[in-house]
Amino acid sequence: MNSFIFICSSETEKECYERQLFGTSNFNYYDKYFRKIKVGDDLFLYNYDIGHLQGPFKAITICEKNIDPEAWRCKKKRGFPYQVNCFYLIDFWNS
């Protein structure tokens, strides 16, 4: 089993939780690291705005292109097309 860290901002973090989806726009990261994600791998989410690492999450899909093509779309962003679905192992927000 492997572990992977995805990066978000304060602007994109909420959508990661709502969609249970992490993503990247960087093909090089996808090709070198994230394409190796398998179901059951541990995932973490690092918010670089506040320096906070959240997790663990579990991957429930492999990382592939445009699982949800509408995710992270806004006026200035092209989105994060390389995506993996996940679930939170411990839900601190609702416990």
PDB file of N, CA and C in Angstrom:
ATOM      1  N   MET A   1       0.845  -1.176   0.000  1.00  0.00           N
ATOM      2  CA  MET A   1       0.000   0.000   0.000  1.00  0.00           C
ATOM      3  C   MET A   1       0.890   1.239   0.000  1.00  0.00           C
ATOM      4  N   ASN A   2       0.491   2.229  -0.769  1.00  0.00           N
ATOM      5  CA  ASN A   2       1.250   3.476  -0.892  1.00  0.00           C
ATOM      6  C   ASN A   2       0.460   4.638  -0.300  1.00  0.00           C
ATOM      7  N   SER A   3       1.148   5.740  -0.064  1.00  0.00           N
ATOM      8  CA  SER A   3       0.523   6.977   0.409  1.00  0.00           C
ATOM      9  C   SER A   3       0.864   8.099  -0.548  1.00  0.00           C
ATOM     10  N   PHE A   4      -0.108   9.001  -0.755  1.00  0.00           N
ATOM     11  CA  PHE A   4       0.055  10.118  -1.678  1.00  0.00           C
ATOM     12  C   PHE A   4      -0.508  11.374  -1.043  1.00  0.00           C
ATOM     13  N   ILE A   5       0.130  12.506  -1.317  1.00  0.00           N
ATOM     14  CA  ILE A   5      -0.337  13.796  -0.810  1.00  0.00           C
ATOM     15  C   ILE A   5      -0.799  14.649  -1.981  1.00  0.00           C
ATOM     16  N   PHE A   6      -2.049  15.111  -1.897  1.00  0.00           N
ATOM     17  CA  PHE A   6      -2.578  16.072  -2.858  1.00  0.00           C
ATOM     18  C   PHE A   6      -2.553  17.444  -2.204  1.00  0.00           C
ATOM     19  N   ILE A   7      -2.468  18.471  -3.006  1.00  0.00           N
ATOM     20  CA  ILE A   7      -2.366  19.844  -2.522  1.00  0.00           C
ATOM     21  C   ILE A   7      -3.636  20.596  -2.891  1.00  0.00           C
ATOM     22  N   CYS A   8      -4.108  21.419  -1.952  1.00  0.00           N
ATOM     23  CA  CYS A   8      -5.264  22.272  -2.218  1.00  0.00           C
ATOM     24  C   CYS A   8      -4.989  23.653  -1.635  1.00  0.00           C
ATOM     25  N   SER A   9      -5.892  24.570  -1.925  1.00  0.00           N
ATOM     26  CA  SER A   9      -5.874  25.900  -1.316  1.00  0.00           C
ATOM     27  C   SER A   9      -7.122  26.010  -0.445  1.00  0.00           C
ATOM     28  N   SER A  10      -7.237  27.088   0.286  1.00  0.00           N
ATOM     29  CA  SER A  10      -8.454  27.313   1.063  1.00  0.00           C
ATOM     30  C   SER A  10      -9.659  27.443   0.139  1.00  0.00           C
ATOM     31  N   GLU A  11      -9.427  27.910  -1.074  1.00  0.00           N
ATOM     32  CA  GLU A  11     -10.501  28.072  -2.058  1.00  0.00           C
ATOM     33  C   GLU A  11     -11.005  26.730  -2.593  1.00  0.00           C
ATOM     34  N   THR A  12     -10.141  25.745  -2.730  1.00  0.00           N
ATOM     35  CA  THR A  12     -10.535  24.469  -3.341  1.00  0.00           C
ATOM     36  C   THR A  12     -10.788  23.348  -2.331  1.00  0.00           C
ATOM     37  N   GLU A  13     -10.405  23.543  -1.074  1.00  0.00           N
ATOM     38  CA  GLU A  13     -10.506  22.470  -0.074  1.00  0.00           C
ATOM     39  C   GLU A  13     -11.940  21.976   0.124  1.00  0.00           C
ATOM     40  N   LYS A  14     -12.883  22.876   0.268  1.00  0.00           N
ATOM     41  CA  LYS A  14     -14.274  22.486   0.524  1.00  0.00           C
ATOM     42  C   LYS A  14     -14.805  21.591  -0.589  1.00  0.00           C
ATOM     43  N   GLU A  15     -14.485  21.929  -1.822  1.00  0.00           N
ATOM     44  CA  GLU A  15     -14.968  21.127  -2.946  1.00  0.00           C
ATOM     45  C   GLU A  15     -14.360  19.724  -2.932  1.00  0.00           C
ATOM     46  N   CYS A  16     -13.120  19.608  -2.492  1.00  0.00           N
ATOM     47  CA  CYS A  16     -12.504  18.273  -2.355  1.00  0.00           C
ATOM     48  C   CYS A  16     -13.349  17.403  -1.437  1.00  0.00           C
ATOM     49  N   TYR A  17     -13.779  17.965  -0.296  1.00  0.00           N
ATOM     50  CA  TYR A  17     -14.585  17.209   0.664  1.00  0.00           C
ATOM     51  C   TYR A  17     -15.984  16.935   0.121  1.00  0.00           C
ATOM     52  N   GLU A  18     -16.602  17.933  -0.473  1.00  0.00           N
ATOM     53  CA  GLU A  18     -17.963  17.763  -0.983  1.00  0.00           C
ATOM     54  C   GLU A  18     -18.045  16.706  -2.076  1.00  0.00           C
ATOM     55  N   ARG A  19     -17.088  16.701  -2.968  1.00  0.00           N
ATOM     56  CA  ARG A  19     -17.099  15.746  -4.088  1.00  0.00           C
ATOM     57  C   ARG A  19     -16.375  14.440  -3.756  1.00  0.00           C
ATOM     58  N   GLN A  20     -15.700  14.400  -2.611  1.00  0.00           N
ATOM     59  CA  GLN A  20     -14.852  13.257  -2.250  1.00  0.00           C
ATOM     60  C   GLN A  20     -13.915  12.941  -3.413  1.00  0.00           C
ATOM     61  N   LEU A  21     -13.204  13.984  -3.824  1.00  0.00           N
ATOM     62  CA  LEU A  21     -12.390  13.927  -5.028  1.00  0.00           C
ATOM     63  C   LEU A  21     -11.152  14.796  -4.842  1.00  0.00           C
ATOM     64  N   PHE A  22      -9.996  14.246  -5.149  1.00  0.00           N
ATOM     65  CA  PHE A  22      -8.750  15.009  -5.168  1.00  0.00           C
ATOM     66  C   PHE A  22      -8.267  15.051  -6.601  1.00  0.00           C
ATOM     67  N   GLY A  23      -7.532  16.118  -6.951  1.00  0.00           N
ATOM     68  CA  GLY A  23      -7.063  16.218  -8.319  1.00  0.00           C
ATOM     69  C   GLY A  23      -5.832  17.089  -8.466  1.00  0.00           C
ATOM     70  N   THR A  24      -5.251  17.005  -9.653  1.00  0.00           N
ATOM     71  CA  THR A  24      -4.109  17.840 -10.012  1.00  0.00           C
ATOM     72  C   THR A  24      -4.221  18.214 -11.482  1.00  0.00           C
ATOM     73  N   SER A  25      -3.671  19.352 -11.835  1.00  0.00           N
ATOM     74  CA  SER A  25      -3.623  19.758 -13.244  1.00  0.00           C
ATOM     75  C   SER A  25      -2.264  19.444 -13.852  1.00  0.00           C
ATOM     76  N   ASN A  26      -1.332  18.987 -13.032  1.00  0.00           N
ATOM     77  CA  ASN A  26       0.040  18.785 -13.474  1.00  0.00           C
ATOM     78  C   ASN A  26       0.229  17.372 -14.028  1.00  0.00           C
ATOM     79  N   PHE A  27       0.359  17.267 -15.347  1.00  0.00           N
ATOM     80  CA  PHE A  27       0.529  15.960 -15.973  1.00  0.00           C
ATOM     81  C   PHE A  27       1.788  15.263 -15.482  1.00  0.00           C
ATOM     82  N   ASN A  28       2.860  16.012 -15.254  1.00  0.00           N
ATOM     83  CA  ASN A  28       4.105  15.391 -14.792  1.00  0.00           C
ATOM     84  C   ASN A  28       3.933  14.704 -13.437  1.00  0.00           C
ATOM     85  N   TYR A  29       3.189  15.337 -12.492  1.00  0.00           N
ATOM     86  CA  TYR A  29       2.908  14.694 -11.203  1.00  0.00           C
ATOM     87  C   TYR A  29       2.059  13.448 -11.413  1.00  0.00           C
ATOM     88  N   TYR A  30       1.053  13.591 -12.275  1.00  0.00           N
ATOM     89  CA  TYR A  30       0.204  12.436 -12.560  1.00  0.00           C
ATOM     90  C   TYR A  30       1.038  11.295 -13.123  1.00  0.00           C
ATOM     91  N   ASP A  31       1.830  11.591 -14.142  1.00  0.00           N
ATOM     92  CA  ASP A  31       2.592  10.548 -14.838  1.00  0.00           C
ATOM     93  C   ASP A  31       3.630   9.891 -13.927  1.00  0.00           C
ATOM     94  N   LYS A  32       4.278  10.693 -13.078  1.00  0.00           N
ATOM     95  CA  LYS A  32       5.351  10.163 -12.233  1.00  0.00           C
ATOM     96  C   LYS A  32       4.832   9.511 -10.950  1.00  0.00           C
ATOM     97  N   TYR A  33       3.752  10.052 -10.376  1.00  0.00           N
ATOM     98  CA  TYR A  33       3.290   9.580  -9.071  1.00  0.00           C
ATOM     99  C   TYR A  33       1.848   9.078  -9.069  1.00  0.00           C
ATOM    100  N   PHE A  34       0.913   9.957  -9.396  1.00  0.00           N
ATOM    101  CA  PHE A  34      -0.495   9.680  -9.138  1.00  0.00           C
ATOM    102  C   PHE A  34      -1.083   8.566  -9.997  1.00  0.00           C
ATOM    103  N   ARG A  35      -0.527   8.293 -11.156  1.00  0.00           N
ATOM    104  CA  ARG A  35      -1.057   7.189 -11.965  1.00  0.00           C
ATOM    105  C   ARG A  35      -0.809   5.844 -11.292  1.00  0.00           C
ATOM    106  N   LYS A  36       0.041   5.830 -10.258  1.00  0.00           N
ATOM    107  CA  LYS A  36       0.337   4.606  -9.503  1.00  0.00           C
ATOM    108  C   LYS A  36      -0.680   4.343  -8.394  1.00  0.00           C
ATOM    109  N   ILE A  37      -1.607   5.278  -8.170  1.00  0.00           N
ATOM    110  CA  ILE A  37      -2.595   5.110  -7.103  1.00  0.00           C
ATOM    111  C   ILE A  37      -3.491   3.917  -7.416  1.00  0.00           C
ATOM    112  N   LYS A  38      -3.669   3.087  -6.381  1.00  0.00           N
ATOM    113  CA  LYS A  38      -4.552   1.925  -6.479  1.00  0.00           C
ATOM    114  C   LYS A  38      -5.656   2.058  -5.434  1.00  0.00           C
ATOM    115  N   VAL A  39      -6.761   1.377  -5.665  1.00  0.00           N
ATOM    116  CA  VAL A  39      -7.848   1.361  -4.695  1.00  0.00           C
ATOM    117  C   VAL A  39      -7.295   0.876  -3.353  1.00  0.00           C
ATOM    118  N   GLY A  40      -7.603   1.618  -2.293  1.00  0.00           N
ATOM    119  CA  GLY A  40      -7.141   1.274  -0.953  1.00  0.00           C
ATOM    120  C   GLY A  40      -5.907   2.022  -0.495  1.00  0.00           C
ATOM    121  N   ASP A  41      -5.233   2.724  -1.406  1.00  0.00           N
ATOM    122  CA  ASP A  41      -4.059   3.505  -1.010  1.00  0.00           C
ATOM    123  C   ASP A  41      -4.472   4.663  -0.106  1.00  0.00           C
ATOM    124  N   ASP A  42      -3.558   5.065   0.765  1.00  0.00           N
ATOM    125  CA  ASP A  42      -3.797   6.196   1.662  1.00  0.00           C
ATOM    126  C   ASP A  42      -3.544   7.507   0.929  1.00  0.00           C
ATOM    127  N   LEU A  43      -4.428   8.464   1.160  1.00  0.00           N
ATOM    128  CA  LEU A  43      -4.303   9.795   0.569  1.00  0.00           C
ATOM    129  C   LEU A  43      -4.361  10.830   1.688  1.00  0.00           C
ATOM    130  N   PHE A  44      -3.679  11.932   1.470  1.00  0.00           N
ATOM    131  CA  PHE A  44      -3.698  13.059   2.392  1.00  0.00           C
ATOM    132  C   PHE A  44      -3.923  14.322   1.575  1.00  0.00           C
ATOM    133  N   LEU A  45      -4.488  15.334   2.217  1.00  0.00           N
ATOM    134  CA  LEU A  45      -4.761  16.607   1.553  1.00  0.00           C
ATOM    135  C   LEU A  45      -4.058  17.716   2.329  1.00  0.00           C
ATOM    136  N   TYR A  46      -3.157  18.414   1.647  1.00  0.00           N
ATOM    137  CA  TYR A  46      -2.381  19.488   2.270  1.00  0.00           C
ATOM    138  C   TYR A  46      -2.881  20.832   1.766  1.00  0.00           C
ATOM    139  N   ASN A  47      -3.396  21.653   2.686  1.00  0.00           N
ATOM    140  CA  ASN A  47      -3.829  23.008   2.357  1.00  0.00           C
ATOM    141  C   ASN A  47      -2.627  23.932   2.546  1.00  0.00           C
ATOM    142  N   TYR A  48      -2.079  24.391   1.433  1.00  0.00           N
ATOM    143  CA  TYR A  48      -0.858  25.207   1.508  1.00  0.00           C
ATOM    144  C   TYR A  48      -1.119  26.617   2.026  1.00  0.00           C
ATOM    145  N   ASP A  49      -2.354  27.096   1.978  1.00  0.00           N
ATOM    146  CA  ASP A  49      -2.650  28.434   2.500  1.00  0.00           C
ATOM    147  C   ASP A  49      -2.487  28.495   4.017  1.00  0.00           C
ATOM    148  N   ILE A  50      -2.867  27.421   4.692  1.00  0.00           N
ATOM    149  CA  ILE A  50      -2.826  27.419   6.156  1.00  0.00           C
ATOM    150  C   ILE A  50      -1.822  26.409   6.721  1.00  0.00           C
ATOM    151  N   GLY A  51      -1.142  25.682   5.854  1.00  0.00           N
ATOM    152  CA  GLY A  51      -0.138  24.722   6.298  1.00  0.00           C
ATOM    153  C   GLY A  51      -0.718  23.551   7.069  1.00  0.00           C
ATOM    154  N   HIS A  52      -1.876  23.045   6.620  1.00  0.00           N
ATOM    155  CA  HIS A  52      -2.586  21.999   7.349  1.00  0.00           C
ATOM    156  C   HIS A  52      -2.673  20.726   6.513  1.00  0.00           C
ATOM    157  N   LEU A  53      -2.259  19.602   7.098  1.00  0.00           N
ATOM    158  CA  LEU A  53      -2.342  18.297   6.443  1.00  0.00           C
ATOM    159  C   LEU A  53      -3.529  17.543   7.020  1.00  0.00           C
ATOM    160  N   GLN A  54      -4.429  17.098   6.163  1.00  0.00           N
ATOM    161  CA  GLN A  54      -5.653  16.418   6.579  1.00  0.00           C
ATOM    162  C   GLN A  54      -5.641  14.990   6.060  1.00  0.00           C
ATOM    163  N   GLY A  55      -6.138  14.073   6.858  1.00  0.00           N
ATOM    164  CA  GLY A  55      -6.228  12.690   6.423  1.00  0.00           C
ATOM    165  C   GLY A  55      -6.178  11.774   7.630  1.00  0.00           C
ATOM    166  N   PRO A  56      -6.156  10.494   7.401  1.00  0.00           N
ATOM    167  CA  PRO A  56      -6.017   9.835   6.102  1.00  0.00           C
ATOM    168  C   PRO A  56      -7.352   9.651   5.399  1.00  0.00           C
ATOM    169  N   PHE A  57      -7.257   9.586   4.085  1.00  0.00           N
ATOM    170  CA  PHE A  57      -8.355   9.233   3.204  1.00  0.00           C
ATOM    171  C   PHE A  57      -7.966   7.920   2.528  1.00  0.00           C
ATOM    172  N   LYS A  58      -8.933   7.222   1.965  1.00  0.00           N
ATOM    173  CA  LYS A  58      -8.662   6.010   1.193  1.00  0.00           C
ATOM    174  C   LYS A  58      -9.107   6.228  -0.242  1.00  0.00           C
ATOM    175  N   ALA A  59      -8.262   5.833  -1.172  1.00  0.00           N
ATOM    176  CA  ALA A  59      -8.624   5.895  -2.587  1.00  0.00           C
ATOM    177  C   ALA A  59      -9.673   4.826  -2.872  1.00  0.00           C
ATOM    178  N   ILE A  60     -10.755   5.214  -3.551  1.00  0.00           N
ATOM    179  CA  ILE A  60     -11.776   4.239  -3.940  1.00  0.00           C
ATOM    180  C   ILE A  60     -11.823   4.063  -5.455  1.00  0.00           C
ATOM    181  N   THR A  61     -10.964   4.801  -6.165  1.00  0.00           N
ATOM    182  CA  THR A  61     -10.765   4.600  -7.602  1.00  0.00           C
ATOM    183  C   THR A  61      -9.268   4.739  -7.870  1.00  0.00           C
ATOM    184  N   ILE A  62      -8.866   4.382  -9.064  1.00  0.00           N
ATOM    185  CA  ILE A  62      -7.522   4.731  -9.505  1.00  0.00           C
ATOM    186  C   ILE A  62      -7.547   6.197  -9.907  1.00  0.00           C
ATOM    187  N   CYS A  63      -6.399   6.787 -10.100  1.00  0.00           N
ATOM    188  CA  CYS A  63      -6.327   8.170 -10.562  1.00  0.00           C
ATOM    189  C   CYS A  63      -6.431   8.164 -12.080  1.00  0.00           C
ATOM    190  N   GLU A  64      -7.409   8.874 -12.598  1.00  0.00           N
ATOM    191  CA  GLU A  64      -7.596   8.936 -14.041  1.00  0.00           C
ATOM    192  C   GLU A  64      -8.101  10.311 -14.445  1.00  0.00           C
ATOM    193  N   LYS A  65      -8.210  10.525 -15.726  1.00  0.00           N
ATOM    194  CA  LYS A  65      -8.555  11.846 -16.245  1.00  0.00           C
ATOM    195  C   LYS A  65     -10.065  12.062 -16.229  1.00  0.00           C
ATOM    196  N   ASN A  66     -10.454  13.208 -15.656  1.00  0.00           N
ATOM    197  CA  ASN A  66     -11.827  13.713 -15.684  1.00  0.00           C
ATOM    198  C   ASN A  66     -12.877  12.745 -15.158  1.00  0.00           C
ATOM    199  N   ILE A  67     -12.658  12.222 -13.956  1.00  0.00           N
ATOM    200  CA  ILE A  67     -13.710  11.455 -13.289  1.00  0.00           C
ATOM    201  C   ILE A  67     -14.936  12.346 -13.154  1.00  0.00           C
ATOM    202  N   ASP A  68     -14.721  13.582 -12.749  1.00  0.00           N
ATOM    203  CA  ASP A  68     -15.784  14.592 -12.685  1.00  0.00           C
ATOM    204  C   ASP A  68     -15.291  15.832 -13.423  1.00  0.00           C
ATOM    205  N   PRO A  69     -15.629  15.957 -14.710  1.00  0.00           N
ATOM    206  CA  PRO A  69     -15.098  17.070 -15.505  1.00  0.00           C
ATOM    207  C   PRO A  69     -15.552  18.455 -15.043  1.00  0.00           C
ATOM    208  N   GLU A  70     -16.579  18.525 -14.209  1.00  0.00           N
ATOM    209  CA  GLU A  70     -17.058  19.820 -13.716  1.00  0.00           C
ATOM    210  C   GLU A  70     -16.378  20.248 -12.415  1.00  0.00           C
ATOM    211  N   ALA A  71     -15.573  19.388 -11.842  1.00  0.00           N
ATOM    212  CA  ALA A  71     -14.938  19.703 -10.556  1.00  0.00           C
ATOM    213  C   ALA A  71     -13.939  20.849 -10.698  1.00  0.00           C
ATOM    214  N   TRP A  72     -13.954  21.715  -9.723  1.00  0.00           N
ATOM    215  CA  TRP A  72     -13.025  22.851  -9.603  1.00  0.00           C
ATOM    216  C   TRP A  72     -13.063  23.790 -10.804  1.00  0.00           C
ATOM    217  N   ARG A  73     -14.201  23.940 -11.421  1.00  0.00           N
ATOM    218  CA  ARG A  73     -14.322  24.876 -12.543  1.00  0.00           C
ATOM    219  C   ARG A  73     -14.732  26.235 -11.991  1.00  0.00           C
ATOM    220  N   CYS A  74     -14.024  27.254 -12.363  1.00  0.00           N
ATOM    221  CA  CYS A  74     -14.419  28.620 -12.048  1.00  0.00           C
ATOM    222  C   CYS A  74     -13.885  29.510 -13.158  1.00  0.00           C
ATOM    223  N   LYS A  75     -14.132  30.787 -13.066  1.00  0.00           N
ATOM    224  CA  LYS A  75     -13.781  31.712 -14.147  1.00  0.00           C
ATOM    225  C   LYS A  75     -12.310  31.665 -14.536  1.00  0.00           C
ATOM    226  N   LYS A  76     -11.418  31.560 -13.555  1.00  0.00           N
ATOM    227  CA  LYS A  76      -9.990  31.677 -13.847  1.00  0.00           C
ATOM    228  C   LYS A  76      -9.266  30.332 -13.900  1.00  0.00           C
ATOM    229  N   LYS A  77      -9.943  29.247 -13.594  1.00  0.00           N
ATOM    230  CA  LYS A  77      -9.257  27.960 -13.500  1.00  0.00           C
ATOM    231  C   LYS A  77      -9.712  27.016 -14.594  1.00  0.00           C
ATOM    232  N   ARG A  78      -8.812  26.159 -14.978  1.00  0.00           N
ATOM    233  CA  ARG A  78      -9.157  25.138 -15.968  1.00  0.00           C
ATOM    234  C   ARG A  78      -9.540  23.827 -15.303  1.00  0.00           C
ATOM    235  N   GLY A  79      -9.489  23.793 -13.994  1.00  0.00           N
ATOM    236  CA  GLY A  79      -9.814  22.579 -13.261  1.00  0.00           C
ATOM    237  C   GLY A  79      -8.587  21.724 -13.024  1.00  0.00           C
ATOM    238  N   PHE A  80      -8.829  20.567 -12.447  1.00  0.00           N
ATOM    239  CA  PHE A  80      -7.769  19.613 -12.135  1.00  0.00           C
ATOM    240  C   PHE A  80      -8.173  18.274 -12.743  1.00  0.00           C
ATOM    241  N   PRO A  81      -7.768  18.012 -13.979  1.00  0.00           N
ATOM    242  CA  PRO A  81      -8.313  16.867 -14.717  1.00  0.00           C
ATOM    243  C   PRO A  81      -7.851  15.491 -14.251  1.00  0.00           C
ATOM    244  N   TYR A  82      -6.721  15.383 -13.557  1.00  0.00           N
ATOM    245  CA  TYR A  82      -6.241  14.072 -13.104  1.00  0.00           C
ATOM    246  C   TYR A  82      -6.766  13.862 -11.689  1.00  0.00           C
ATOM    247  N   GLN A  83      -7.715  12.938 -11.535  1.00  0.00           N
ATOM    248  CA  GLN A  83      -8.526  12.881 -10.324  1.00  0.00           C
ATOM    249  C   GLN A  83      -8.610  11.474  -9.739  1.00  0.00           C
ATOM    250  N   VAL A  84      -8.875  11.433  -8.437  1.00  0.00           N
ATOM    251  CA  VAL A  84      -9.117  10.173  -7.726  1.00  0.00           C
ATOM    252  C   VAL A  84     -10.243  10.395  -6.719  1.00  0.00           C
ATOM    253  N   ASN A  85     -11.198   9.459  -6.682  1.00  0.00           N
ATOM    254  CA  ASN A  85     -12.246   9.495  -5.663  1.00  0.00           C
ATOM    255  C   ASN A  85     -11.704   8.899  -4.371  1.00  0.00           C
ATOM    256  N   CYS A  86     -12.192   9.432  -3.255  1.00  0.00           N
ATOM    257  CA  CYS A  86     -11.693   8.978  -1.960  1.00  0.00           C
ATOM    258  C   CYS A  86     -12.787   9.102  -0.911  1.00  0.00           C
ATOM    259  N   PHE A  87     -12.543   8.496   0.250  1.00  0.00           N
ATOM    260  CA  PHE A  87     -13.401   8.742   1.397  1.00  0.00           C
ATOM    261  C   PHE A  87     -12.526   8.972   2.613  1.00  0.00           C
ATOM    262  N   TYR A  88     -13.067   9.729   3.537  1.00  0.00           N
ATOM    263  CA  TYR A  88     -12.365  10.124   4.749  1.00  0.00           C
ATOM    264  C   TYR A  88     -12.474   8.992   5.760  1.00  0.00           C
ATOM    265  N   LEU A  89     -11.360   8.516   6.264  1.00  0.00           N
ATOM    266  CA  LEU A  89     -11.394   7.417   7.235  1.00  0.00           C
ATOM    267  C   LEU A  89     -11.999   7.839   8.565  1.00  0.00           C
ATOM    268  N   ILE A  90     -11.698   9.047   9.015  1.00  0.00           N
ATOM    269  CA  ILE A  90     -12.229   9.554  10.280  1.00  0.00           C
ATOM    270  C   ILE A  90     -12.849  10.912   9.999  1.00  0.00           C
ATOM    271  N   ASP A  91     -14.143  11.029  10.211  1.00  0.00           N
ATOM    272  CA  ASP A  91     -14.836  12.282   9.933  1.00  0.00           C
ATOM    273  C   ASP A  91     -14.874  13.141  11.193  1.00  0.00           C
ATOM    274  N   PHE A  92     -13.837  13.958  11.368  1.00  0.00           N
ATOM    275  CA  PHE A  92     -13.767  14.829  12.537  1.00  0.00           C
ATOM    276  C   PHE A  92     -14.840  15.916  12.508  1.00  0.00           C
ATOM    277  N   TRP A  93     -15.285  16.300  11.323  1.00  0.00           N
ATOM    278  CA  TRP A  93     -16.224  17.413  11.197  1.00  0.00           C
ATOM    279  C   TRP A  93     -17.587  17.063  11.777  1.00  0.00           C
ATOM    280  N   ASN A  94     -18.001  15.801  11.673  1.00  0.00           N
ATOM    281  CA  ASN A  94     -19.346  15.420  12.099  1.00  0.00           C
ATOM    282  C   ASN A  94     -19.358  14.513  13.324  1.00  0.00           C
ATOM    283  N   SER A  95     -18.229  14.376  14.021  1.00  0.00           N
ATOM    284  CA  SER A  95     -18.222  13.490  15.191  1.00  0.00           C
ATOM    285  C   SER A  95     -18.293  14.281  16.478  1.00  0.00           C
TER     286      SER A  95
END
